[in-house]
């Protein structure tokens, strides 16, 4: 059975370590652990990983977040993976840092990458793994400042364990089914203490999401 796993993010060094690139980070962690190498192709970089009889095509779109749907639609067609075997890994501002939320389908939650995918597929009927970033104490309307900011020291220290859990969740999704994976991995994790410190907030509120 074949799966397409899409990690959402923005290309470029200026975005590499930001919270909005959680999707890229998860896929990079799995590829590194599996000695898999990404190859740059149309609309993104891809690699393939075999795990317990399943084949997973990992995709990091190169279209920037707001046009992620173009890459997803193209690679679904190219790999001939059915939409029911599509899993999108995405950052989530609305849940605590370190929390995983696997869902069978759902709204875009204001996330521009998911909005683009919904538009391109004319459907929100696909699985998504939300990786919590927390909100850093930012008020509604200023989320962009936070998600395009870099991780705090405490968050960086917690990342290896978080990425390992996210990869294990994807593997469980592919081998044991989404219901089993949701039961096992949809658990709340405590936020790092520094996440709510106002001193971590950027000064500017004028950034635009690419």
N, C-alpha and C. Protein backbone atom coordinates (compact mmCIF):
# COMPACT_ATOMS: atom_id res chain seq x y z
N UNK A 1 0.85 -1.19 0.00
CA UNK A 1 0.00 0.00 0.00
C UNK A 1 0.88 1.24 0.00
N UNK A 2 0.50 2.23 -0.79
CA UNK A 2 1.30 3.44 -0.94
C UNK A 2 0.62 4.64 -0.28
N UNK A 3 1.45 5.52 0.29
CA UNK A 3 0.96 6.73 0.95
C UNK A 3 1.76 7.93 0.47
N UNK A 4 1.11 9.08 0.44
CA UNK A 4 1.79 10.35 0.20
C UNK A 4 1.71 11.16 1.48
N UNK A 5 2.88 11.46 2.04
CA UNK A 5 2.96 12.24 3.27
C UNK A 5 3.57 13.59 2.93
N UNK A 6 2.82 14.65 3.14
CA UNK A 6 3.24 16.00 2.77
C UNK A 6 3.53 16.80 4.03
N UNK A 7 4.75 17.30 4.14
CA UNK A 7 5.10 18.19 5.23
C UNK A 7 5.07 19.62 4.74
N UNK A 8 4.27 20.46 5.37
CA UNK A 8 4.14 21.84 4.92
C UNK A 8 5.22 22.73 5.52
N UNK A 9 5.67 23.68 4.71
CA UNK A 9 6.70 24.62 5.14
C UNK A 9 7.02 25.58 4.02
N UNK A 10 8.00 26.44 4.27
CA UNK A 10 8.48 27.39 3.27
C UNK A 10 9.94 27.10 2.97
N UNK A 11 10.31 27.14 1.70
CA UNK A 11 11.71 26.92 1.34
C UNK A 11 12.52 28.18 1.63
N UNK A 12 13.82 27.99 1.81
CA UNK A 12 14.71 29.11 2.07
C UNK A 12 15.26 29.09 3.49
N UNK A 13 16.52 29.49 3.63
CA UNK A 13 17.19 29.45 4.92
C UNK A 13 16.50 30.31 5.96
N UNK A 14 15.88 31.42 5.53
CA UNK A 14 15.24 32.31 6.49
C UNK A 14 14.04 31.69 7.19
N UNK A 15 13.50 30.61 6.60
CA UNK A 15 12.34 29.94 7.19
C UNK A 15 12.67 28.59 7.82
N UNK A 16 13.88 28.11 7.61
CA UNK A 16 14.21 26.73 7.95
C UNK A 16 13.95 26.37 9.41
N UNK A 17 14.25 27.28 10.33
CA UNK A 17 14.14 26.97 11.76
C UNK A 17 12.89 27.57 12.39
N UNK A 18 11.93 27.99 11.60
CA UNK A 18 10.73 28.63 12.15
C UNK A 18 9.65 27.60 12.45
N UNK A 19 8.72 28.01 13.30
CA UNK A 19 7.64 27.11 13.71
C UNK A 19 6.76 26.70 12.52
N UNK A 20 6.65 27.57 11.54
CA UNK A 20 5.79 27.29 10.38
C UNK A 20 6.35 26.15 9.52
N UNK A 21 7.59 25.74 9.79
CA UNK A 21 8.22 24.67 9.03
C UNK A 21 8.21 23.34 9.77
N UNK A 22 7.30 23.18 10.71
CA UNK A 22 7.21 21.92 11.46
C UNK A 22 7.03 20.72 10.52
N UNK A 23 6.24 20.91 9.46
CA UNK A 23 6.02 19.82 8.52
C UNK A 23 7.31 19.37 7.87
N UNK A 24 8.12 20.33 7.43
CA UNK A 24 9.43 20.00 6.86
C UNK A 24 10.29 19.26 7.88
N UNK A 25 10.29 19.77 9.12
CA UNK A 25 11.15 19.19 10.15
C UNK A 25 10.81 17.73 10.42
N UNK A 26 9.52 17.42 10.46
CA UNK A 26 9.11 16.04 10.70
C UNK A 26 9.60 15.12 9.59
N UNK A 27 9.41 15.54 8.35
CA UNK A 27 9.84 14.70 7.22
C UNK A 27 11.35 14.58 7.17
N UNK A 28 12.06 15.66 7.47
CA UNK A 28 13.53 15.61 7.48
C UNK A 28 14.02 14.63 8.54
N UNK A 29 13.35 14.62 9.70
CA UNK A 29 13.76 13.71 10.77
C UNK A 29 13.57 12.26 10.36
N UNK A 30 12.46 11.96 9.70
CA UNK A 30 12.21 10.59 9.26
C UNK A 30 13.20 10.18 8.18
N UNK A 31 13.44 11.08 7.24
CA UNK A 31 14.38 10.76 6.17
C UNK A 31 15.78 10.52 6.73
N UNK A 32 16.19 11.36 7.66
CA UNK A 32 17.53 11.20 8.25
C UNK A 32 17.64 9.87 8.99
N UNK A 33 16.61 9.52 9.75
CA UNK A 33 16.64 8.27 10.50
C UNK A 33 16.63 7.05 9.58
N UNK A 34 16.12 7.22 8.36
CA UNK A 34 16.01 6.12 7.41
C UNK A 34 17.07 6.16 6.33
N UNK A 35 18.02 7.10 6.45
CA UNK A 35 19.08 7.27 5.45
C UNK A 35 18.49 7.51 4.05
N UNK A 36 17.39 8.22 4.02
CA UNK A 36 16.75 8.57 2.75
C UNK A 36 17.16 9.99 2.36
N UNK A 37 17.27 10.21 1.06
CA UNK A 37 17.74 11.49 0.55
C UNK A 37 16.65 12.11 -0.33
N UNK A 38 16.35 13.37 -0.09
CA UNK A 38 15.36 14.07 -0.90
C UNK A 38 15.95 14.48 -2.24
N UNK A 39 15.13 14.35 -3.28
CA UNK A 39 15.50 14.77 -4.62
C UNK A 39 14.57 15.89 -5.05
N UNK A 40 15.13 16.97 -5.55
CA UNK A 40 14.32 18.10 -5.97
C UNK A 40 13.67 17.80 -7.31
N UNK A 41 12.36 17.98 -7.40
CA UNK A 41 11.62 17.76 -8.63
C UNK A 41 10.58 18.83 -8.80
N UNK A 42 9.60 18.57 -9.63
CA UNK A 42 8.57 19.56 -9.89
C UNK A 42 7.74 19.82 -8.64
N UNK A 43 7.62 21.05 -8.28
CA UNK A 43 6.81 21.50 -7.15
C UNK A 43 7.29 21.04 -5.79
N UNK A 44 8.48 20.41 -5.72
CA UNK A 44 8.93 20.03 -4.40
C UNK A 44 10.04 19.01 -4.38
N UNK A 45 10.48 18.67 -3.19
CA UNK A 45 11.51 17.64 -2.98
C UNK A 45 10.84 16.40 -2.42
N UNK A 46 11.23 15.24 -2.94
CA UNK A 46 10.59 13.99 -2.53
C UNK A 46 11.63 12.92 -2.21
N UNK A 47 11.20 11.97 -1.43
CA UNK A 47 11.97 10.75 -1.19
C UNK A 47 10.98 9.65 -0.87
N UNK A 48 11.43 8.40 -0.95
CA UNK A 48 10.56 7.27 -0.66
C UNK A 48 11.14 6.46 0.49
N UNK A 49 10.27 6.02 1.39
CA UNK A 49 10.67 5.20 2.52
C UNK A 49 9.75 3.99 2.59
N UNK A 50 10.33 2.81 2.70
CA UNK A 50 9.56 1.59 2.89
C UNK A 50 9.57 1.24 4.37
N UNK A 51 8.38 0.91 4.90
CA UNK A 51 8.27 0.59 6.33
C UNK A 51 7.19 -0.45 6.51
N UNK A 52 7.57 -1.64 6.97
CA UNK A 52 6.64 -2.73 7.26
C UNK A 52 5.68 -3.01 6.09
N UNK A 53 6.25 -3.08 4.91
CA UNK A 53 5.46 -3.43 3.74
C UNK A 53 4.70 -2.28 3.11
N UNK A 54 4.81 -1.09 3.68
CA UNK A 54 4.16 0.09 3.10
C UNK A 54 5.21 0.97 2.44
N UNK A 55 4.80 1.67 1.40
CA UNK A 55 5.69 2.64 0.76
C UNK A 55 5.15 4.03 1.01
N UNK A 56 6.01 4.88 1.56
CA UNK A 56 5.64 6.25 1.86
C UNK A 56 6.44 7.19 0.95
N UNK A 57 5.76 7.99 0.16
CA UNK A 57 6.42 9.06 -0.58
C UNK A 57 6.32 10.32 0.26
N UNK A 58 7.46 10.88 0.61
CA UNK A 58 7.51 12.09 1.43
C UNK A 58 7.70 13.28 0.50
N UNK A 59 6.89 14.32 0.69
CA UNK A 59 6.94 15.50 -0.17
C UNK A 59 7.07 16.76 0.68
N UNK A 60 8.08 17.58 0.32
CA UNK A 60 8.22 18.92 0.88
C UNK A 60 7.99 19.90 -0.27
N UNK A 61 6.81 20.53 -0.33
CA UNK A 61 6.51 21.42 -1.46
C UNK A 61 7.48 22.60 -1.53
N UNK A 62 7.79 23.01 -2.76
CA UNK A 62 8.67 24.16 -2.99
C UNK A 62 7.88 25.37 -3.46
N UNK A 63 6.58 25.31 -3.30
CA UNK A 63 5.69 26.34 -3.83
C UNK A 63 5.44 27.48 -2.85
N UNK A 64 6.04 27.41 -1.67
CA UNK A 64 5.70 28.26 -0.53
C UNK A 64 4.32 27.87 -0.02
N UNK A 65 4.09 28.25 1.23
CA UNK A 65 2.93 27.74 1.95
C UNK A 65 1.61 28.00 1.23
N UNK A 66 1.45 29.22 0.74
CA UNK A 66 0.15 29.63 0.19
C UNK A 66 -0.25 28.90 -1.08
N UNK A 67 0.69 28.21 -1.71
CA UNK A 67 0.39 27.47 -2.95
C UNK A 67 0.68 25.98 -2.78
N UNK A 68 0.63 25.49 -1.56
CA UNK A 68 0.93 24.08 -1.29
C UNK A 68 0.04 23.13 -2.08
N UNK A 69 -1.19 23.54 -2.34
CA UNK A 69 -2.13 22.68 -3.04
C UNK A 69 -1.68 22.26 -4.42
N UNK A 70 -0.94 23.13 -5.09
CA UNK A 70 -0.43 22.78 -6.43
C UNK A 70 0.46 21.54 -6.36
N UNK A 71 1.35 21.55 -5.38
CA UNK A 71 2.28 20.43 -5.23
C UNK A 71 1.54 19.15 -4.82
N UNK A 72 0.60 19.28 -3.91
CA UNK A 72 -0.13 18.10 -3.44
C UNK A 72 -0.94 17.48 -4.57
N UNK A 73 -1.63 18.28 -5.32
CA UNK A 73 -2.44 17.76 -6.43
C UNK A 73 -1.55 17.08 -7.48
N UNK A 74 -0.43 17.72 -7.82
CA UNK A 74 0.48 17.14 -8.82
C UNK A 74 1.04 15.80 -8.36
N UNK A 75 1.50 15.72 -7.11
CA UNK A 75 2.15 14.49 -6.65
C UNK A 75 1.15 13.39 -6.34
N UNK A 76 -0.07 13.73 -6.00
CA UNK A 76 -1.10 12.70 -5.89
C UNK A 76 -1.32 12.03 -7.24
N UNK A 77 -1.36 12.85 -8.28
CA UNK A 77 -1.57 12.30 -9.63
C UNK A 77 -0.34 11.51 -10.09
N UNK A 78 0.84 12.04 -9.83
CA UNK A 78 2.07 11.40 -10.30
C UNK A 78 2.31 10.06 -9.61
N UNK A 79 2.06 9.99 -8.32
CA UNK A 79 2.31 8.76 -7.58
C UNK A 79 1.12 7.80 -7.63
N UNK A 80 -0.01 8.31 -8.12
CA UNK A 80 -1.26 7.53 -8.18
C UNK A 80 -1.69 7.04 -6.80
N UNK A 81 -1.39 7.84 -5.81
CA UNK A 81 -1.85 7.55 -4.46
C UNK A 81 -3.28 8.08 -4.32
N UNK A 82 -4.22 7.27 -3.84
CA UNK A 82 -5.59 7.76 -3.64
C UNK A 82 -5.63 8.80 -2.53
N UNK A 83 -6.59 9.71 -2.62
CA UNK A 83 -6.66 10.78 -1.64
C UNK A 83 -6.83 10.26 -0.22
N UNK A 84 -7.46 9.09 -0.07
CA UNK A 84 -7.62 8.54 1.27
C UNK A 84 -6.30 8.10 1.89
N UNK A 85 -5.24 8.05 1.09
CA UNK A 85 -3.91 7.71 1.61
C UNK A 85 -2.99 8.93 1.64
N UNK A 86 -3.59 10.11 1.65
CA UNK A 86 -2.84 11.36 1.77
C UNK A 86 -2.84 11.80 3.23
N UNK A 87 -1.65 12.14 3.73
CA UNK A 87 -1.51 12.68 5.08
C UNK A 87 -0.70 13.97 5.00
N UNK A 88 -1.23 15.05 5.55
CA UNK A 88 -0.54 16.33 5.55
C UNK A 88 -0.08 16.65 6.96
N UNK A 89 1.19 16.97 7.12
CA UNK A 89 1.77 17.31 8.42
C UNK A 89 1.92 18.83 8.48
N UNK A 90 1.32 19.44 9.52
CA UNK A 90 1.20 20.89 9.54
C UNK A 90 1.37 21.42 10.95
N UNK A 91 1.92 22.62 11.07
CA UNK A 91 2.02 23.28 12.38
C UNK A 91 0.65 23.78 12.80
N UNK A 92 0.42 23.87 14.11
CA UNK A 92 -0.86 24.36 14.61
C UNK A 92 -0.65 25.31 15.79
N UNK A 93 -1.01 26.55 15.56
CA UNK A 93 -0.89 27.63 16.53
C UNK A 93 -1.86 27.46 17.71
N UNK A 94 -2.95 26.73 17.49
CA UNK A 94 -4.06 26.68 18.46
C UNK A 94 -3.90 25.61 19.53
N UNK A 95 -2.90 24.74 19.43
CA UNK A 95 -2.71 23.69 20.43
C UNK A 95 -1.32 23.81 21.04
N UNK A 96 -1.13 23.33 22.27
CA UNK A 96 0.14 23.53 22.98
C UNK A 96 1.33 22.92 22.24
N UNK A 97 2.47 23.52 22.46
CA UNK A 97 3.70 23.00 21.87
C UNK A 97 3.89 21.53 22.28
N UNK A 98 4.22 20.72 21.30
CA UNK A 98 4.49 19.31 21.57
C UNK A 98 3.29 18.40 21.46
N UNK A 99 2.10 18.97 21.31
CA UNK A 99 0.89 18.16 21.19
C UNK A 99 0.69 17.71 19.75
N UNK A 100 0.30 16.47 19.56
CA UNK A 100 -0.03 15.94 18.25
C UNK A 100 -1.53 15.75 18.15
N UNK A 101 -2.10 16.14 17.02
CA UNK A 101 -3.52 15.93 16.77
C UNK A 101 -3.70 15.36 15.36
N UNK A 102 -3.93 14.07 15.29
CA UNK A 102 -4.20 13.40 14.02
C UNK A 102 -5.70 13.38 13.79
N UNK A 103 -6.12 13.80 12.60
CA UNK A 103 -7.54 13.84 12.27
C UNK A 103 -7.76 13.25 10.87
N UNK A 104 -8.95 12.66 10.67
CA UNK A 104 -9.29 12.08 9.37
C UNK A 104 -9.60 13.14 8.33
N UNK A 105 -10.10 14.27 8.77
CA UNK A 105 -10.43 15.38 7.89
C UNK A 105 -10.65 16.60 8.78
N UNK A 106 -11.05 17.73 8.20
CA UNK A 106 -11.34 18.87 9.05
C UNK A 106 -11.20 20.18 8.32
N UNK A 107 -11.44 21.27 9.05
CA UNK A 107 -11.34 22.60 8.48
C UNK A 107 -9.87 23.00 8.40
N UNK A 108 -9.61 24.09 7.67
CA UNK A 108 -8.23 24.55 7.54
C UNK A 108 -7.74 25.25 8.80
N UNK A 109 -8.66 25.66 9.69
CA UNK A 109 -8.26 26.29 10.94
C UNK A 109 -7.51 27.60 10.74
N UNK A 110 -7.69 28.23 9.57
CA UNK A 110 -6.99 29.47 9.28
C UNK A 110 -5.58 29.28 8.74
N UNK A 111 -5.17 28.04 8.52
CA UNK A 111 -3.82 27.76 8.02
C UNK A 111 -3.80 27.88 6.50
N UNK A 112 -2.94 28.74 5.98
CA UNK A 112 -2.94 29.01 4.54
C UNK A 112 -2.52 27.81 3.70
N UNK A 113 -1.66 26.95 4.24
CA UNK A 113 -1.29 25.76 3.50
C UNK A 113 -2.46 24.82 3.31
N UNK A 114 -3.22 24.60 4.38
CA UNK A 114 -4.40 23.75 4.29
C UNK A 114 -5.47 24.39 3.40
N UNK A 115 -5.61 25.70 3.47
CA UNK A 115 -6.56 26.39 2.59
C UNK A 115 -6.24 26.11 1.13
N UNK A 116 -4.96 26.18 0.78
CA UNK A 116 -4.55 25.95 -0.60
C UNK A 116 -4.82 24.51 -1.03
N UNK A 117 -4.56 23.55 -0.13
CA UNK A 117 -4.81 22.15 -0.46
C UNK A 117 -6.30 21.90 -0.63
N UNK A 118 -7.11 22.43 0.28
CA UNK A 118 -8.56 22.28 0.17
C UNK A 118 -9.06 22.82 -1.18
N UNK A 119 -8.52 23.96 -1.58
CA UNK A 119 -8.94 24.58 -2.84
C UNK A 119 -8.53 23.72 -4.04
N UNK A 120 -7.29 23.24 -4.03
CA UNK A 120 -6.77 22.47 -5.16
C UNK A 120 -7.46 21.12 -5.31
N UNK A 121 -7.81 20.51 -4.18
CA UNK A 121 -8.46 19.19 -4.21
C UNK A 121 -9.99 19.31 -4.20
N UNK A 122 -10.47 20.54 -4.01
CA UNK A 122 -11.92 20.77 -3.87
C UNK A 122 -12.51 19.88 -2.78
N UNK A 123 -11.73 19.71 -1.72
CA UNK A 123 -12.14 18.80 -0.65
C UNK A 123 -11.25 19.01 0.56
N UNK A 124 -11.83 18.79 1.75
CA UNK A 124 -11.03 18.75 2.98
C UNK A 124 -11.00 17.34 3.54
N UNK A 125 -11.35 16.37 2.68
CA UNK A 125 -11.46 14.98 3.10
C UNK A 125 -10.12 14.27 2.93
N UNK A 126 -9.18 14.61 3.79
CA UNK A 126 -7.87 13.95 3.80
C UNK A 126 -7.32 14.07 5.21
N UNK A 127 -6.46 13.15 5.58
CA UNK A 127 -5.91 13.13 6.93
C UNK A 127 -4.89 14.24 7.12
N UNK A 128 -4.83 14.74 8.34
CA UNK A 128 -3.81 15.74 8.66
C UNK A 128 -3.29 15.50 10.07
N UNK A 129 -1.98 15.68 10.22
CA UNK A 129 -1.33 15.57 11.52
C UNK A 129 -0.91 16.97 11.92
N UNK A 130 -1.59 17.52 12.94
CA UNK A 130 -1.28 18.85 13.42
C UNK A 130 -0.24 18.74 14.54
N UNK A 131 0.84 19.52 14.41
CA UNK A 131 1.91 19.54 15.40
C UNK A 131 1.83 20.87 16.13
N UNK A 132 1.53 20.83 17.41
CA UNK A 132 1.29 22.05 18.16
C UNK A 132 2.54 22.90 18.36
N UNK A 133 2.38 24.20 18.14
CA UNK A 133 3.45 25.17 18.42
C UNK A 133 3.11 26.05 19.61
N UNK A 134 1.83 26.01 20.07
CA UNK A 134 1.39 26.98 21.05
C UNK A 134 1.29 28.35 20.41
N UNK A 135 0.87 29.34 21.20
CA UNK A 135 0.70 30.68 20.64
C UNK A 135 1.66 31.71 21.21
N UNK A 136 2.49 31.30 22.17
CA UNK A 136 3.51 32.20 22.69
C UNK A 136 2.97 33.44 23.36
N UNK A 137 1.66 33.43 23.71
CA UNK A 137 1.07 34.59 24.33
C UNK A 137 0.65 35.66 23.34
N UNK A 138 0.73 35.35 22.05
CA UNK A 138 0.35 36.33 21.03
C UNK A 138 -1.16 36.47 20.96
N UNK A 139 -1.61 37.69 20.77
CA UNK A 139 -3.04 37.95 20.65
C UNK A 139 -3.54 37.52 19.28
N UNK A 140 -4.85 37.28 19.19
CA UNK A 140 -5.48 36.94 17.92
C UNK A 140 -5.17 38.02 16.89
N UNK A 141 -4.78 37.60 15.70
CA UNK A 141 -4.45 38.55 14.65
C UNK A 141 -2.96 38.78 14.48
N UNK A 142 -2.16 38.30 15.42
CA UNK A 142 -0.71 38.48 15.34
C UNK A 142 0.02 37.13 15.28
N UNK A 143 -0.69 36.09 14.84
CA UNK A 143 -0.10 34.76 14.80
C UNK A 143 1.11 34.67 13.87
N UNK A 144 1.07 35.41 12.78
CA UNK A 144 2.14 35.33 11.79
C UNK A 144 3.49 35.66 12.42
N UNK A 145 3.49 36.65 13.33
CA UNK A 145 4.74 37.02 13.99
C UNK A 145 5.34 35.83 14.73
N UNK A 146 4.47 35.04 15.34
CA UNK A 146 4.94 33.92 16.15
C UNK A 146 5.35 32.73 15.28
N UNK A 147 4.50 32.32 14.34
CA UNK A 147 4.80 31.11 13.58
C UNK A 147 6.00 31.30 12.66
N UNK A 148 6.28 32.54 12.26
CA UNK A 148 7.46 32.79 11.43
C UNK A 148 8.69 33.11 12.27
N UNK A 149 8.54 32.97 13.59
CA UNK A 149 9.68 33.15 14.48
C UNK A 149 10.37 31.83 14.75
N UNK A 150 11.61 31.90 15.23
CA UNK A 150 12.37 30.69 15.53
C UNK A 150 11.97 30.12 16.88
N UNK A 151 12.24 28.84 17.03
CA UNK A 151 11.93 28.14 18.29
C UNK A 151 12.77 28.70 19.43
N UNK A 152 12.17 28.69 20.62
CA UNK A 152 12.91 29.06 21.83
C UNK A 152 13.86 27.93 22.22
N UNK A 153 14.82 28.24 23.07
CA UNK A 153 15.82 27.25 23.49
C UNK A 153 15.14 26.02 24.07
N UNK A 154 14.14 26.23 24.94
CA UNK A 154 13.45 25.10 25.56
C UNK A 154 12.74 24.24 24.53
N UNK A 155 12.20 24.89 23.51
CA UNK A 155 11.51 24.17 22.44
C UNK A 155 12.51 23.38 21.59
N UNK A 156 13.65 23.98 21.31
CA UNK A 156 14.67 23.28 20.54
C UNK A 156 15.13 22.01 21.26
N UNK A 157 15.24 22.11 22.58
CA UNK A 157 15.66 20.93 23.35
C UNK A 157 14.61 19.83 23.31
N UNK A 158 13.34 20.23 23.18
CA UNK A 158 12.25 19.26 23.16
C UNK A 158 11.99 18.68 21.77
N UNK A 159 12.58 19.28 20.75
CA UNK A 159 12.26 18.88 19.38
C UNK A 159 12.60 17.44 19.03
N UNK A 160 13.75 16.90 19.40
CA UNK A 160 14.05 15.51 19.02
C UNK A 160 12.97 14.53 19.45
N UNK A 161 12.49 14.65 20.69
CA UNK A 161 11.44 13.75 21.17
C UNK A 161 10.13 13.99 20.43
N UNK A 162 9.81 15.26 20.17
CA UNK A 162 8.58 15.59 19.44
C UNK A 162 8.62 15.03 18.03
N UNK A 163 9.72 15.21 17.34
CA UNK A 163 9.84 14.71 15.98
C UNK A 163 9.78 13.19 15.94
N UNK A 164 10.38 12.55 16.93
CA UNK A 164 10.34 11.08 17.00
C UNK A 164 8.90 10.59 17.17
N UNK A 165 8.13 11.27 18.03
CA UNK A 165 6.72 10.89 18.21
C UNK A 165 5.91 11.12 16.94
N UNK A 166 6.18 12.23 16.27
CA UNK A 166 5.43 12.53 15.04
C UNK A 166 5.70 11.49 13.97
N UNK A 167 6.95 11.08 13.82
CA UNK A 167 7.29 10.05 12.85
C UNK A 167 6.62 8.73 13.22
N UNK A 168 6.66 8.38 14.50
CA UNK A 168 6.02 7.15 14.95
C UNK A 168 4.52 7.18 14.69
N UNK A 169 3.91 8.35 14.83
CA UNK A 169 2.49 8.50 14.56
C UNK A 169 2.18 8.23 13.09
N UNK A 170 3.00 8.77 12.20
CA UNK A 170 2.81 8.55 10.77
C UNK A 170 2.98 7.07 10.43
N UNK A 171 3.97 6.45 11.00
CA UNK A 171 4.20 5.03 10.75
C UNK A 171 3.02 4.20 11.23
N UNK A 172 2.50 4.54 12.40
CA UNK A 172 1.34 3.83 12.94
C UNK A 172 0.12 4.05 12.05
N UNK A 173 -0.06 5.26 11.58
CA UNK A 173 -1.16 5.58 10.66
C UNK A 173 -1.12 4.68 9.43
N UNK A 174 0.08 4.48 8.88
CA UNK A 174 0.21 3.70 7.67
C UNK A 174 0.10 2.20 7.89
N UNK A 175 0.51 1.73 9.05
CA UNK A 175 0.57 0.28 9.26
C UNK A 175 -0.60 -0.27 10.09
N UNK A 176 -1.13 0.56 11.00
CA UNK A 176 -2.19 0.08 11.88
C UNK A 176 -3.51 0.81 11.69
N UNK A 177 -3.50 1.87 10.89
CA UNK A 177 -4.73 2.59 10.62
C UNK A 177 -4.85 3.87 11.43
N UNK A 178 -5.64 4.80 10.92
CA UNK A 178 -5.73 6.11 11.53
C UNK A 178 -6.41 6.07 12.90
N UNK A 179 -7.38 5.19 13.09
CA UNK A 179 -8.07 5.12 14.39
C UNK A 179 -7.10 4.72 15.49
N UNK A 180 -6.29 3.72 15.22
CA UNK A 180 -5.30 3.26 16.20
C UNK A 180 -4.28 4.37 16.46
N UNK A 181 -3.84 5.05 15.41
CA UNK A 181 -2.85 6.11 15.56
C UNK A 181 -3.41 7.28 16.37
N UNK A 182 -4.68 7.63 16.15
CA UNK A 182 -5.29 8.71 16.91
C UNK A 182 -5.37 8.35 18.39
N UNK A 183 -5.76 7.13 18.68
CA UNK A 183 -5.87 6.70 20.07
C UNK A 183 -4.52 6.74 20.78
N UNK A 184 -3.49 6.37 20.06
CA UNK A 184 -2.17 6.24 20.68
C UNK A 184 -1.43 7.57 20.79
N UNK A 185 -1.64 8.49 19.84
CA UNK A 185 -0.77 9.68 19.78
C UNK A 185 -1.47 11.01 20.06
N UNK A 186 -2.79 11.05 20.06
CA UNK A 186 -3.47 12.32 20.32
C UNK A 186 -3.53 12.61 21.81
N UNK A 187 -2.39 12.96 22.35
CA UNK A 187 -2.27 13.25 23.78
C UNK A 187 -1.67 14.64 23.96
N UNK A 188 -2.15 15.34 24.96
CA UNK A 188 -1.64 16.69 25.23
C UNK A 188 -0.29 16.60 25.92
N UNK A 189 0.64 17.40 25.42
CA UNK A 189 1.95 17.51 26.04
C UNK A 189 2.08 18.86 26.72
N UNK A 190 2.77 18.96 27.86
CA UNK A 190 2.91 20.26 28.55
C UNK A 190 3.75 21.23 27.73
N UNK A 191 3.40 22.51 27.84
CA UNK A 191 4.16 23.55 27.15
C UNK A 191 5.45 23.85 27.91
N UNK A 192 6.54 24.15 27.18
CA UNK A 192 7.74 24.62 27.88
C UNK A 192 7.41 25.89 28.64
N UNK A 193 8.03 26.08 29.80
CA UNK A 193 7.70 27.21 30.66
C UNK A 193 7.91 28.54 29.96
N UNK A 194 8.94 28.62 29.12
CA UNK A 194 9.27 29.89 28.48
C UNK A 194 8.32 30.26 27.36
N UNK A 195 7.44 29.33 26.97
CA UNK A 195 6.58 29.58 25.82
C UNK A 195 5.65 30.76 26.05
N UNK A 196 5.24 30.96 27.30
CA UNK A 196 4.29 32.03 27.60
C UNK A 196 4.96 33.31 28.05
N UNK A 197 6.29 33.35 28.05
CA UNK A 197 6.97 34.56 28.45
C UNK A 197 6.85 35.62 27.38
N UNK A 198 6.37 36.79 27.75
CA UNK A 198 6.16 37.84 26.76
C UNK A 198 7.45 38.31 26.14
N UNK A 199 8.58 38.11 26.85
CA UNK A 199 9.86 38.57 26.32
C UNK A 199 10.26 37.83 25.07
N UNK A 200 9.63 36.68 24.78
CA UNK A 200 9.98 35.90 23.60
C UNK A 200 9.30 36.42 22.35
N UNK A 201 8.34 37.32 22.50
CA UNK A 201 7.58 37.79 21.35
C UNK A 201 8.38 38.77 20.53
N UNK A 202 8.33 38.66 19.20
CA UNK A 202 9.00 39.62 18.34
C UNK A 202 8.39 41.00 18.51
N UNK A 203 9.16 42.06 18.20
CA UNK A 203 8.67 43.42 18.33
C UNK A 203 7.75 43.80 17.19
N UNK A 204 8.01 43.27 16.00
CA UNK A 204 7.27 43.71 14.82
C UNK A 204 6.00 42.91 14.64
N UNK A 205 4.97 43.57 14.15
CA UNK A 205 3.72 42.88 13.83
C UNK A 205 3.35 43.11 12.38
N UNK A 206 4.36 43.37 11.56
CA UNK A 206 4.10 43.74 10.17
C UNK A 206 4.47 42.67 9.17
N UNK A 207 4.95 41.50 9.65
CA UNK A 207 5.36 40.46 8.72
C UNK A 207 4.16 39.89 7.97
N UNK A 208 4.38 39.51 6.75
CA UNK A 208 3.36 38.85 5.95
C UNK A 208 3.80 37.43 5.68
N UNK A 209 2.88 36.49 5.77
CA UNK A 209 3.20 35.10 5.48
C UNK A 209 3.40 34.93 4.00
N UNK A 210 4.54 34.32 3.57
CA UNK A 210 4.76 34.11 2.14
C UNK A 210 3.80 33.08 1.58
